[in-house]
Structures are given as structure tokens and as C-alpha cells.
Amino acid sequence: MNRTQARRAAKAQPDNGMTTISEAARATGTAARTIQRWAKQGLVAAHRSGKLWRVKLADVQHTANTLKPGRKPGQ
């Protein structure tokens, strides 16, 4: 299995509520770079494997709603 195939396999497997940063960004309406910064700061649970980041969607939603108080829940 080459590196690309491994990344695709990792993306396809659900991992305890973990999702990719781009999927979390689409789900929450937050920029992917912002979520990556939050992960580096320890504000959201994250795991990095090579270039692929996986984050807990619930943590991203909570952080987005906490740090951006003008947002409505679910946006």
C-alpha cells in the first residue's frame, strides 16, 4: 500500500468521532486553517498522521460556538 492509498483508507474509516479538517470545516462553516490552528493550540482534540489531520467534530463545533459568540448553534 502506497502513501496515497493509506491516506484514502484512513479517510474512509470512522475513528471515534474523528473527521478530517476539511470535512469539519464544511460542517461548521469555519476555515480549515482556523481549525488546524485550534488543533495546534490544543483547543480541539486532533491526531496528525503525515499531512492528514483528523479532529473530533464535536470539539470543533464546541470551540467554534465558544470562540465566535455571534454564531448560532449548528452553523
Protein backbone atom coordinates (compact mmCIF):
# COMPACT_ATOMS: atom_id res chain seq x y z
CA MET A 1 0.00 0.00 0.00
CA ASN A 2 1.50 3.33 -1.00
CA ARG A 3 1.14 6.60 0.88
CA THR A 4 -1.84 7.84 -1.17
CA GLN A 5 -3.74 4.60 -0.65
CA ALA A 6 -3.02 4.75 3.09
CA ARG A 7 -4.43 8.30 3.29
CA ARG A 8 -7.56 7.30 1.42
CA ALA A 9 -8.05 4.30 3.70
CA ALA A 10 -7.58 6.48 6.78
CA LYS A 11 -10.15 8.98 5.48
CA ALA A 12 -12.68 6.23 4.80
CA GLN A 13 -12.51 4.69 8.28
CA PRO A 14 -14.61 6.26 11.02
CA ASP A 15 -12.34 6.86 14.00
CA ASN A 16 -14.17 7.58 17.29
CA GLY A 17 -15.93 10.69 16.04
CA MET A 18 -12.81 11.89 14.25
CA THR A 19 -13.05 13.51 10.83
CA THR A 20 -10.74 15.38 8.50
CA ILE A 21 -10.21 19.09 8.94
CA SER A 22 -11.80 19.85 5.58
CA GLU A 23 -14.93 17.86 6.50
CA ALA A 24 -15.11 19.61 9.88
CA ALA A 25 -14.68 22.98 8.17
CA ARG A 26 -17.59 22.28 5.81
CA ALA A 27 -19.77 21.03 8.67
CA THR A 28 -19.15 24.05 10.90
CA GLY A 29 -18.61 26.87 8.39
CA THR A 30 -15.15 27.52 9.82
CA ALA A 31 -11.98 27.90 7.75
CA ALA A 32 -9.80 24.80 7.62
CA ARG A 33 -6.72 26.85 8.58
CA THR A 34 -8.56 28.07 11.68
CA ILE A 35 -9.35 24.50 12.74
CA GLN A 36 -5.74 23.49 12.12
CA ARG A 37 -4.59 26.41 14.31
CA TRP A 38 -7.01 25.35 17.06
CA ALA A 39 -5.60 21.81 16.88
CA LYS A 40 -2.04 23.09 17.20
CA GLN A 41 -3.10 25.24 20.17
CA GLY A 42 -4.75 22.24 21.83
CA LEU A 43 -8.27 23.71 21.66
CA VAL A 44 -9.61 20.68 19.77
CA ALA A 45 -8.60 17.04 20.03
CA ALA A 46 -6.56 16.16 16.95
CA HIS A 47 -4.33 13.49 15.54
CA ARG A 48 -1.86 14.05 12.74
CA SER A 49 -0.55 11.27 10.53
CA GLY A 50 1.82 12.70 7.95
CA LYS A 51 -0.07 15.53 6.29
CA LEU A 52 -3.50 14.18 7.23
CA TRP A 53 -5.11 15.79 10.28
CA ARG A 54 -8.13 14.25 11.99
CA VAL A 55 -10.14 16.17 14.56
CA LYS A 56 -13.15 15.48 16.74
CA LEU A 57 -16.12 17.18 15.10
CA ALA A 58 -17.84 17.75 18.46
CA ASP A 59 -14.76 19.62 19.74
CA VAL A 60 -14.63 21.76 16.60
CA GLN A 61 -18.33 22.63 16.92
CA HIS A 62 -17.94 23.48 20.61
CA THR A 63 -14.84 25.61 20.02
CA ALA A 64 -16.42 27.41 17.08
CA ASN A 65 -19.51 28.27 19.12
CA THR A 66 -17.41 29.31 22.14
CA LEU A 67 -14.89 31.49 20.32
CA LYS A 68 -17.40 33.01 17.91
CA PRO A 69 -20.26 34.06 20.21
CA GLY A 70 -22.30 35.64 17.40
CA ARG A 71 -22.79 32.24 15.77
CA LYS A 72 -25.97 30.27 16.08
CA PRO A 73 -25.59 26.63 17.22
CA GLY A 74 -25.28 24.31 14.25
CA GLN A 75 -23.76 26.89 11.90
